[in-house]
Amino acid sequence: MLSGGRYQGDEELIRRADDIATTIFHPVGTCRKGNDTMAVVDSQLRVHRLAKLRVVDASVMPTIVSGNTNSPVIMIAEKAPETILSEA
């Protein structure tokens, strides 16, 4: 039992844990930028070892911003075409 006996049994406790074990934040930083062995993309957002594939979303942000992630993602998305066109 948890919280004064509100939850009965393991199944109910697991279901409740699943209900509250989520984040309200938008995940960022899952595609590390750089040239080390852990990096997924380079500074131009190109995926290492894959031709003509880029990652242009919040996953390339090194840390989460203190505000909403919408504006930084828009800025990343607006910068990406400039980078791509400059290479053409």
PDB file of N, CA and C in Angstrom:
ATOM      1  N   MET A   1       0.833  -1.181   0.000  1.00  0.00           N
ATOM      2  CA  MET A   1       0.000   0.000   0.000  1.00  0.00           C
ATOM      3  C   MET A   1       0.881   1.248   0.000  1.00  0.00           C
ATOM      4  N   LEU A   2       0.387   2.287  -0.612  1.00  0.00           N
ATOM      5  CA  LEU A   2       1.115   3.541  -0.731  1.00  0.00           C
ATOM      6  C   LEU A   2       0.171   4.690  -0.415  1.00  0.00           C
ATOM      7  N   SER A   3       0.685   5.747   0.112  1.00  0.00           N
ATOM      8  CA  SER A   3      -0.107   6.951   0.406  1.00  0.00           C
ATOM      9  C   SER A   3      -1.347   6.635   1.241  1.00  0.00           C
ATOM     10  N   GLY A   4      -1.140   5.994   2.363  1.00  0.00           N
ATOM     11  CA  GLY A   4      -2.255   5.723   3.256  1.00  0.00           C
ATOM     12  C   GLY A   4      -3.203   4.665   2.739  1.00  0.00           C
ATOM     13  N   GLY A   5      -2.739   3.791   1.882  1.00  0.00           N
ATOM     14  CA  GLY A   5      -3.560   2.681   1.436  1.00  0.00           C
ATOM     15  C   GLY A   5      -4.428   2.968   0.230  1.00  0.00           C
ATOM     16  N   ARG A   6      -4.155   4.035  -0.502  1.00  0.00           N
ATOM     17  CA  ARG A   6      -4.974   4.352  -1.679  1.00  0.00           C
ATOM     18  C   ARG A   6      -4.817   3.325  -2.789  1.00  0.00           C
ATOM     19  N   TYR A   7      -3.661   2.715  -2.887  1.00  0.00           N
ATOM     20  CA  TYR A   7      -3.396   1.786  -3.981  1.00  0.00           C
ATOM     21  C   TYR A   7      -3.346   0.367  -3.445  1.00  0.00           C
ATOM     22  N   GLN A   8      -4.103  -0.488  -4.061  1.00  0.00           N
ATOM     23  CA  GLN A   8      -4.207  -1.871  -3.622  1.00  0.00           C
ATOM     24  C   GLN A   8      -3.493  -2.777  -4.623  1.00  0.00           C
ATOM     25  N   GLY A   9      -2.446  -3.423  -4.194  1.00  0.00           N
ATOM     26  CA  GLY A   9      -1.766  -4.408  -5.025  1.00  0.00           C
ATOM     27  C   GLY A   9      -0.725  -3.821  -5.952  1.00  0.00           C
ATOM     28  N   ASP A  10       0.138  -4.712  -6.420  1.00  0.00           N
ATOM     29  CA  ASP A  10       1.250  -4.318  -7.286  1.00  0.00           C
ATOM     30  C   ASP A  10       0.785  -3.774  -8.630  1.00  0.00           C
ATOM     31  N   GLU A  11      -0.241  -4.383  -9.214  1.00  0.00           N
ATOM     32  CA  GLU A  11      -0.700  -3.941 -10.536  1.00  0.00           C
ATOM     33  C   GLU A  11      -1.189  -2.501 -10.504  1.00  0.00           C
ATOM     34  N   GLU A  12      -1.952  -2.144  -9.503  1.00  0.00           N
ATOM     35  CA  GLU A  12      -2.452  -0.775  -9.388  1.00  0.00           C
ATOM     36  C   GLU A  12      -1.301   0.196  -9.127  1.00  0.00           C
ATOM     37  N   LEU A  13      -0.356  -0.212  -8.316  1.00  0.00           N
ATOM     38  CA  LEU A  13       0.805   0.627  -8.015  1.00  0.00           C
ATOM     39  C   LEU A  13       1.656   0.839  -9.268  1.00  0.00           C
ATOM     40  N   ILE A  14       1.858  -0.206 -10.041  1.00  0.00           N
ATOM     41  CA  ILE A  14       2.628  -0.088 -11.293  1.00  0.00           C
ATOM     42  C   ILE A  14       1.903   0.830 -12.269  1.00  0.00           C
ATOM     43  N   ARG A  15       0.579   0.671 -12.387  1.00  0.00           N
ATOM     44  CA  ARG A  15      -0.197   1.531 -13.296  1.00  0.00           C
ATOM     45  C   ARG A  15      -0.093   2.994 -12.872  1.00  0.00           C
ATOM     46  N   ARG A  16      -0.187   3.242 -11.581  1.00  0.00           N
ATOM     47  CA  ARG A  16      -0.096   4.623 -11.075  1.00  0.00           C
ATOM     48  C   ARG A  16       1.305   5.187 -11.290  1.00  0.00           C
ATOM     49  N   ALA A  17       2.325   4.387 -11.067  1.00  0.00           N
ATOM     50  CA  ALA A  17       3.701   4.838 -11.303  1.00  0.00           C
ATOM     51  C   ALA A  17       3.889   5.210 -12.772  1.00  0.00           C
ATOM     52  N   ASP A  18       3.308   4.417 -13.661  1.00  0.00           N
ATOM     53  CA  ASP A  18       3.392   4.712 -15.087  1.00  0.00           C
ATOM     54  C   ASP A  18       2.664   6.017 -15.421  1.00  0.00           C
ATOM     55  N   ASP A  19       1.545   6.276 -14.733  1.00  0.00           N
ATOM     56  CA  ASP A  19       0.781   7.506 -14.960  1.00  0.00           C
ATOM     57  C   ASP A  19       1.574   8.761 -14.593  1.00  0.00           C
ATOM     58  N   ILE A  20       2.366   8.684 -13.531  1.00  0.00           N
ATOM     59  CA  ILE A  20       3.058   9.882 -13.049  1.00  0.00           C
ATOM     60  C   ILE A  20       4.529   9.946 -13.436  1.00  0.00           C
ATOM     61  N   ALA A  21       5.050   8.906 -14.048  1.00  0.00           N
ATOM     62  CA  ALA A  21       6.477   8.869 -14.387  1.00  0.00           C
ATOM     63  C   ALA A  21       6.734   9.386 -15.795  1.00  0.00           C
ATOM     64  N   THR A  22       6.108  10.460 -16.133  1.00  0.00           N
ATOM     65  CA  THR A  22       6.331  11.074 -17.437  1.00  0.00           C
ATOM     66  C   THR A  22       6.891  12.468 -17.212  1.00  0.00           C
ATOM     67  N   THR A  23       7.421  13.037 -18.260  1.00  0.00           N
ATOM     68  CA  THR A  23       7.978  14.374 -18.151  1.00  0.00           C
ATOM     69  C   THR A  23       7.079  15.377 -18.850  1.00  0.00           C
ATOM     70  N   ILE A  24       7.038  16.572 -18.327  1.00  0.00           N
ATOM     71  CA  ILE A  24       6.302  17.639 -19.000  1.00  0.00           C
ATOM     72  C   ILE A  24       7.231  18.419 -19.912  1.00  0.00           C
ATOM     73  N   PHE A  25       8.511  18.067 -19.883  1.00  0.00           N
ATOM     74  CA  PHE A  25       9.497  18.750 -20.694  1.00  0.00           C
ATOM     75  C   PHE A  25       9.643  18.050 -22.044  1.00  0.00           C
ATOM     76  N   HIS A  26      10.064  18.798 -23.022  1.00  0.00           N
ATOM     77  CA  HIS A  26      10.337  18.240 -24.333  1.00  0.00           C
ATOM     78  C   HIS A  26      11.767  17.715 -24.321  1.00  0.00           C
ATOM     79  N   PRO A  27      11.970  16.441 -24.627  1.00  0.00           N
ATOM     80  CA  PRO A  27      13.334  15.904 -24.614  1.00  0.00           C
ATOM     81  C   PRO A  27      14.225  16.631 -25.616  1.00  0.00           C
ATOM     82  N   VAL A  28      15.428  16.886 -25.215  1.00  0.00           N
ATOM     83  CA  VAL A  28      16.435  17.487 -26.081  1.00  0.00           C
ATOM     84  C   VAL A  28      17.746  16.729 -25.874  1.00  0.00           C
ATOM     85  N   GLY A  29      18.680  16.961 -26.777  1.00  0.00           N
ATOM     86  CA  GLY A  29      20.021  16.433 -26.586  1.00  0.00           C
ATOM     87  C   GLY A  29      20.205  14.957 -26.864  1.00  0.00           C
ATOM     88  N   THR A  30      19.329  14.347 -27.619  1.00  0.00           N
ATOM     89  CA  THR A  30      19.478  12.922 -27.893  1.00  0.00           C
ATOM     90  C   THR A  30      20.338  12.636 -29.111  1.00  0.00           C
ATOM     91  N   CYS A  31      20.666  13.664 -29.892  1.00  0.00           N
ATOM     92  CA  CYS A  31      21.568  13.526 -31.039  1.00  0.00           C
ATOM     93  C   CYS A  31      22.742  14.475 -30.839  1.00  0.00           C
ATOM     94  N   ARG A  32      23.692  14.036 -30.071  1.00  0.00           N
ATOM     95  CA  ARG A  32      24.843  14.861 -29.713  1.00  0.00           C
ATOM     96  C   ARG A  32      25.579  15.387 -30.943  1.00  0.00           C
ATOM     97  N   LYS A  33      25.914  16.684 -30.878  1.00  0.00           N
ATOM     98  CA  LYS A  33      26.699  17.303 -31.935  1.00  0.00           C
ATOM     99  C   LYS A  33      28.172  17.200 -31.583  1.00  0.00           C
ATOM    100  N   GLY A  34      29.011  16.985 -32.590  1.00  0.00           N
ATOM    101  CA  GLY A  34      30.444  16.963 -32.373  1.00  0.00           C
ATOM    102  C   GLY A  34      31.144  15.985 -33.282  1.00  0.00           C
ATOM    103  N   ASN A  35      32.409  15.744 -32.987  1.00  0.00           N
ATOM    104  CA  ASN A  35      33.209  14.827 -33.792  1.00  0.00           C
ATOM    105  C   ASN A  35      33.750  13.662 -32.978  1.00  0.00           C
ATOM    106  N   ASP A  36      33.307  13.538 -31.731  1.00  0.00           N
ATOM    107  CA  ASP A  36      33.780  12.436 -30.898  1.00  0.00           C
ATOM    108  C   ASP A  36      32.964  11.172 -31.197  1.00  0.00           C
ATOM    109  N   THR A  37      33.326  10.077 -30.567  1.00  0.00           N
ATOM    110  CA  THR A  37      32.673   8.795 -30.852  1.00  0.00           C
ATOM    111  C   THR A  37      31.218   8.742 -30.404  1.00  0.00           C
ATOM    112  N   MET A  38      30.817   9.601 -29.489  1.00  0.00           N
ATOM    113  CA  MET A  38      29.430   9.623 -29.016  1.00  0.00           C
ATOM    114  C   MET A  38      28.546  10.557 -29.835  1.00  0.00           C
ATOM    115  N   ALA A  39      29.130  11.371 -30.690  1.00  0.00           N
ATOM    116  CA  ALA A  39      28.373  12.352 -31.467  1.00  0.00           C
ATOM    117  C   ALA A  39      27.595  11.678 -32.598  1.00  0.00           C
ATOM    118  N   VAL A  40      26.397  12.171 -32.822  1.00  0.00           N
ATOM    119  CA  VAL A  40      25.531  11.662 -33.879  1.00  0.00           C
ATOM    120  C   VAL A  40      25.620  12.546 -35.113  1.00  0.00           C
ATOM    121  N   VAL A  41      25.694  13.874 -34.895  1.00  0.00           N
ATOM    122  CA  VAL A  41      25.741  14.820 -36.006  1.00  0.00           C
ATOM    123  C   VAL A  41      26.942  15.750 -35.849  1.00  0.00           C
ATOM    124  N   ASP A  42      27.374  16.315 -36.985  1.00  0.00           N
ATOM    125  CA  ASP A  42      28.455  17.302 -36.930  1.00  0.00           C
ATOM    126  C   ASP A  42      27.873  18.699 -36.750  1.00  0.00           C
ATOM    127  N   SER A  43      28.712  19.702 -36.794  1.00  0.00           N
ATOM    128  CA  SER A  43      28.247  21.078 -36.549  1.00  0.00           C
ATOM    129  C   SER A  43      27.308  21.589 -37.635  1.00  0.00           C
ATOM    130  N   GLN A  44      27.261  20.903 -38.769  1.00  0.00           N
ATOM    131  CA  GLN A  44      26.350  21.273 -39.850  1.00  0.00           C
ATOM    132  C   GLN A  44      25.084  20.414 -39.836  1.00  0.00           C
ATOM    133  N   LEU A  45      24.884  19.682 -38.736  1.00  0.00           N
ATOM    134  CA  LEU A  45      23.719  18.826 -38.509  1.00  0.00           C
ATOM    135  C   LEU A  45      23.675  17.596 -39.402  1.00  0.00           C
ATOM    136  N   ARG A  46      24.796  17.269 -40.053  1.00  0.00           N
ATOM    137  CA  ARG A  46      24.875  16.069 -40.892  1.00  0.00           C
ATOM    138  C   ARG A  46      25.096  14.852 -40.007  1.00  0.00           C
ATOM    139  N   VAL A  47      24.337  13.793 -40.259  1.00  0.00           N
ATOM    140  CA  VAL A  47      24.502  12.563 -39.494  1.00  0.00           C
ATOM    141  C   VAL A  47      25.801  11.902 -39.931  1.00  0.00           C
ATOM    142  N   HIS A  48      26.634  11.561 -38.959  1.00  0.00           N
ATOM    143  CA  HIS A  48      27.914  10.915 -39.261  1.00  0.00           C
ATOM    144  C   HIS A  48      27.695   9.601 -40.012  1.00  0.00           C
ATOM    145  N   ARG A  49      28.492   9.387 -41.025  1.00  0.00           N
ATOM    146  CA  ARG A  49      28.518   8.152 -41.817  1.00  0.00           C
ATOM    147  C   ARG A  49      27.258   7.895 -42.643  1.00  0.00           C
ATOM    148  N   LEU A  50      26.393   8.891 -42.783  1.00  0.00           N
ATOM    149  CA  LEU A  50      25.222   8.753 -43.651  1.00  0.00           C
ATOM    150  C   LEU A  50      25.153   9.970 -44.566  1.00  0.00           C
ATOM    151  N   ALA A  51      25.198   9.723 -45.851  1.00  0.00           N
ATOM    152  CA  ALA A  51      25.193  10.822 -46.812  1.00  0.00           C
ATOM    153  C   ALA A  51      23.810  11.452 -46.918  1.00  0.00           C
ATOM    154  N   LYS A  52      23.781  12.759 -46.978  1.00  0.00           N
ATOM    155  CA  LYS A  52      22.565  13.535 -47.248  1.00  0.00           C
ATOM    156  C   LYS A  52      21.463  13.366 -46.203  1.00  0.00           C
ATOM    157  N   LEU A  53      21.827  13.116 -44.968  1.00  0.00           N
ATOM    158  CA  LEU A  53      20.834  13.034 -43.907  1.00  0.00           C
ATOM    159  C   LEU A  53      21.236  13.987 -42.796  1.00  0.00           C
ATOM    160  N   ARG A  54      20.300  14.819 -42.374  1.00  0.00           N
ATOM    161  CA  ARG A  54      20.535  15.773 -41.298  1.00  0.00           C
ATOM    162  C   ARG A  54      19.461  15.630 -40.230  1.00  0.00           C
ATOM    163  N   VAL A  55      19.794  16.061 -39.042  1.00  0.00           N
ATOM    164  CA  VAL A  55      18.837  16.100 -37.940  1.00  0.00           C
ATOM    165  C   VAL A  55      18.589  17.568 -37.632  1.00  0.00           C
ATOM    166  N   VAL A  56      17.346  18.002 -37.759  1.00  0.00           N
ATOM    167  CA  VAL A  56      16.991  19.405 -37.574  1.00  0.00           C
ATOM    168  C   VAL A  56      15.814  19.470 -36.604  1.00  0.00           C
ATOM    169  N   ASP A  57      16.107  19.268 -35.329  1.00  0.00           N
ATOM    170  CA  ASP A  57      15.069  19.331 -34.305  1.00  0.00           C
ATOM    171  C   ASP A  57      15.723  19.534 -32.941  1.00  0.00           C
ATOM    172  N   ALA A  58      14.956  19.430 -31.890  1.00  0.00           N
ATOM    173  CA  ALA A  58      15.453  19.694 -30.538  1.00  0.00           C
ATOM    174  C   ALA A  58      16.487  18.678 -30.072  1.00  0.00           C
ATOM    175  N   SER A  59      16.584  17.561 -30.743  1.00  0.00           N
ATOM    176  CA  SER A  59      17.541  16.550 -30.299  1.00  0.00           C
ATOM    177  C   SER A  59      18.989  17.006 -30.455  1.00  0.00           C
ATOM    178  N   VAL A  60      19.256  18.007 -31.279  1.00  0.00           N
ATOM    179  CA  VAL A  60      20.628  18.497 -31.434  1.00  0.00           C
ATOM    180  C   VAL A  60      20.986  19.580 -30.414  1.00  0.00           C
ATOM    181  N   MET A  61      20.003  20.007 -29.632  1.00  0.00           N
ATOM    182  CA  MET A  61      20.268  21.018 -28.593  1.00  0.00           C
ATOM    183  C   MET A  61      21.033  20.348 -27.450  1.00  0.00           C
ATOM    184  N   PRO A  62      22.146  20.931 -27.004  1.00  0.00           N
ATOM    185  CA  PRO A  62      22.943  20.276 -25.957  1.00  0.00           C
ATOM    186  C   PRO A  62      22.251  20.215 -24.595  1.00  0.00           C
ATOM    187  N   THR A  63      21.434  21.204 -24.284  1.00  0.00           N
ATOM    188  CA  THR A  63      20.693  21.218 -23.017  1.00  0.00           C
ATOM    189  C   THR A  63      19.326  21.829 -23.258  1.00  0.00           C
ATOM    190  N   ILE A  64      18.416  21.560 -22.356  1.00  0.00           N
ATOM    191  CA  ILE A  64      17.080  22.129 -22.495  1.00  0.00           C
ATOM    192  C   ILE A  64      17.118  23.601 -22.095  1.00  0.00           C
ATOM    193  N   VAL A  65      16.385  24.412 -22.803  1.00  0.00           N
ATOM    194  CA  VAL A  65      16.307  25.833 -22.494  1.00  0.00           C
ATOM    195  C   VAL A  65      15.344  26.043 -21.326  1.00  0.00           C
ATOM    196  N   SER A  66      15.426  27.202 -20.702  1.00  0.00           N
ATOM    197  CA  SER A  66      14.571  27.463 -19.541  1.00  0.00           C
ATOM    198  C   SER A  66      13.129  27.754 -19.927  1.00  0.00           C
ATOM    199  N   GLY A  67      12.908  28.121 -21.180  1.00  0.00           N
ATOM    200  CA  GLY A  67      11.547  28.384 -21.648  1.00  0.00           C
ATOM    201  C   GLY A  67      11.072  27.275 -22.563  1.00  0.00           C
ATOM    202  N   ASN A  68      10.054  27.563 -23.324  1.00  0.00           N
ATOM    203  CA  ASN A  68       9.521  26.594 -24.264  1.00  0.00           C
ATOM    204  C   ASN A  68      10.551  26.310 -25.360  1.00  0.00           C
ATOM    205  N   THR A  69      10.619  25.075 -25.816  1.00  0.00           N
ATOM    206  CA  THR A  69      11.601  24.698 -26.844  1.00  0.00           C
ATOM    207  C   THR A  69      11.168  25.100 -28.256  1.00  0.00           C
ATOM    208  N   ASN A  70       9.960  25.582 -28.421  1.00  0.00           N
ATOM    209  CA  ASN A  70       9.449  25.908 -29.747  1.00  0.00           C
ATOM    210  C   ASN A  70      10.331  26.928 -30.486  1.00  0.00           C
ATOM    211  N   SER A  71      10.636  28.037 -29.862  1.00  0.00           N
ATOM    212  CA  SER A  71      11.421  29.080 -30.545  1.00  0.00           C
ATOM    213  C   SER A  71      12.817  28.612 -30.926  1.00  0.00           C
ATOM    214  N   PRO A  72      13.572  27.973 -30.034  1.00  0.00           N
ATOM    215  CA  PRO A  72      14.887  27.478 -30.448  1.00  0.00           C
ATOM    216  C   PRO A  72      14.814  26.467 -31.591  1.00  0.00           C
ATOM    217  N   VAL A  73      13.790  25.621 -31.591  1.00  0.00           N
ATOM    218  CA  VAL A  73      13.657  24.643 -32.674  1.00  0.00           C
ATOM    219  C   VAL A  73      13.349  25.358 -33.988  1.00  0.00           C
ATOM    220  N   ILE A  74      12.538  26.387 -33.943  1.00  0.00           N
ATOM    221  CA  ILE A  74      12.273  27.168 -35.157  1.00  0.00           C
ATOM    222  C   ILE A  74      13.573  27.793 -35.661  1.00  0.00           C
ATOM    223  N   MET A  75      14.384  28.306 -34.760  1.00  0.00           N
ATOM    224  CA  MET A  75      15.660  28.906 -35.172  1.00  0.00           C
ATOM    225  C   MET A  75      16.581  27.856 -35.799  1.00  0.00           C
ATOM    226  N   ILE A  76      16.629  26.665 -35.222  1.00  0.00           N
ATOM    227  CA  ILE A  76      17.425  25.579 -35.807  1.00  0.00           C
ATOM    228  C   ILE A  76      16.902  25.252 -37.199  1.00  0.00           C
ATOM    229  N   ALA A  77      15.579  25.162 -37.323  1.00  0.00           N
ATOM    230  CA  ALA A  77      14.963  24.827 -38.606  1.00  0.00           C
ATOM    231  C   ALA A  77      15.178  25.914 -39.653  1.00  0.00           C
ATOM    232  N   GLU A  78      15.253  27.157 -39.233  1.00  0.00           N
ATOM    233  CA  GLU A  78      15.499  28.244 -40.182  1.00  0.00           C
ATOM    234  C   GLU A  78      16.968  28.314 -40.589  1.00  0.00           C
ATOM    235  N   LYS A  79      17.859  27.939 -39.704  1.00  0.00           N
ATOM    236  CA  LYS A  79      19.297  27.975 -39.996  1.00  0.00           C
ATOM    237  C   LYS A  79      19.713  26.819 -40.910  1.00  0.00           C
ATOM    238  N   ALA A  80      19.081  25.676 -40.776  1.00  0.00           N
ATOM    239  CA  ALA A  80      19.473  24.486 -41.540  1.00  0.00           C
ATOM    240  C   ALA A  80      19.462  24.699 -43.058  1.00  0.00           C
ATOM    241  N   PRO A  81      18.412  25.273 -43.639  1.00  0.00           N
ATOM    242  CA  PRO A  81      18.433  25.471 -45.095  1.00  0.00           C
ATOM    243  C   PRO A  81      19.575  26.392 -45.550  1.00  0.00           C
ATOM    244  N   GLU A  82      19.890  27.391 -44.746  1.00  0.00           N
ATOM    245  CA  GLU A  82      21.022  28.267 -45.091  1.00  0.00           C
ATOM    246  C   GLU A  82      22.305  27.462 -45.181  1.00  0.00           C
ATOM    247  N   THR A  83      22.510  26.584 -44.222  1.00  0.00           N
ATOM    248  CA  THR A  83      23.700  25.734 -44.199  1.00  0.00           C
ATOM    249  C   THR A  83      23.720  24.807 -45.408  1.00  0.00           C
ATOM    250  N   ILE A  84      22.597  24.195 -45.685  1.00  0.00           N
ATOM    251  CA  ILE A  84      22.515  23.260 -46.825  1.00  0.00           C
ATOM    252  C   ILE A  84      22.764  23.985 -48.140  1.00  0.00           C
ATOM    253  N   LEU A  85      22.136  25.129 -48.306  1.00  0.00           N
ATOM    254  CA  LEU A  85      22.304  25.888 -49.556  1.00  0.00           C
ATOM    255  C   LEU A  85      23.721  26.427 -49.720  1.00  0.00           C
ATOM    256  N   SER A  86      24.381  26.770 -48.628  1.00  0.00           N
ATOM    257  CA  SER A  86      25.750  27.286 -48.721  1.00  0.00           C
ATOM    258  C   SER A  86      26.736  26.202 -49.169  1.00  0.00           C
ATOM    259  N   GLU A  87      26.368  24.940 -48.952  1.00  0.00           N
ATOM    260  CA  GLU A  87      27.223  23.829 -49.389  1.00  0.00           C
ATOM    261  C   GLU A  87      26.996  23.450 -50.835  1.00  0.00           C
ATOM    262  N   ALA A  88      25.871  23.886 -51.399  1.00  0.00           N
ATOM    263  CA  ALA A  88      25.524  23.497 -52.785  1.00  0.00           C
ATOM    264  C   ALA A  88      26.397  24.202 -53.802  1.00  0.00           C
TER     265      ALA A  88
END
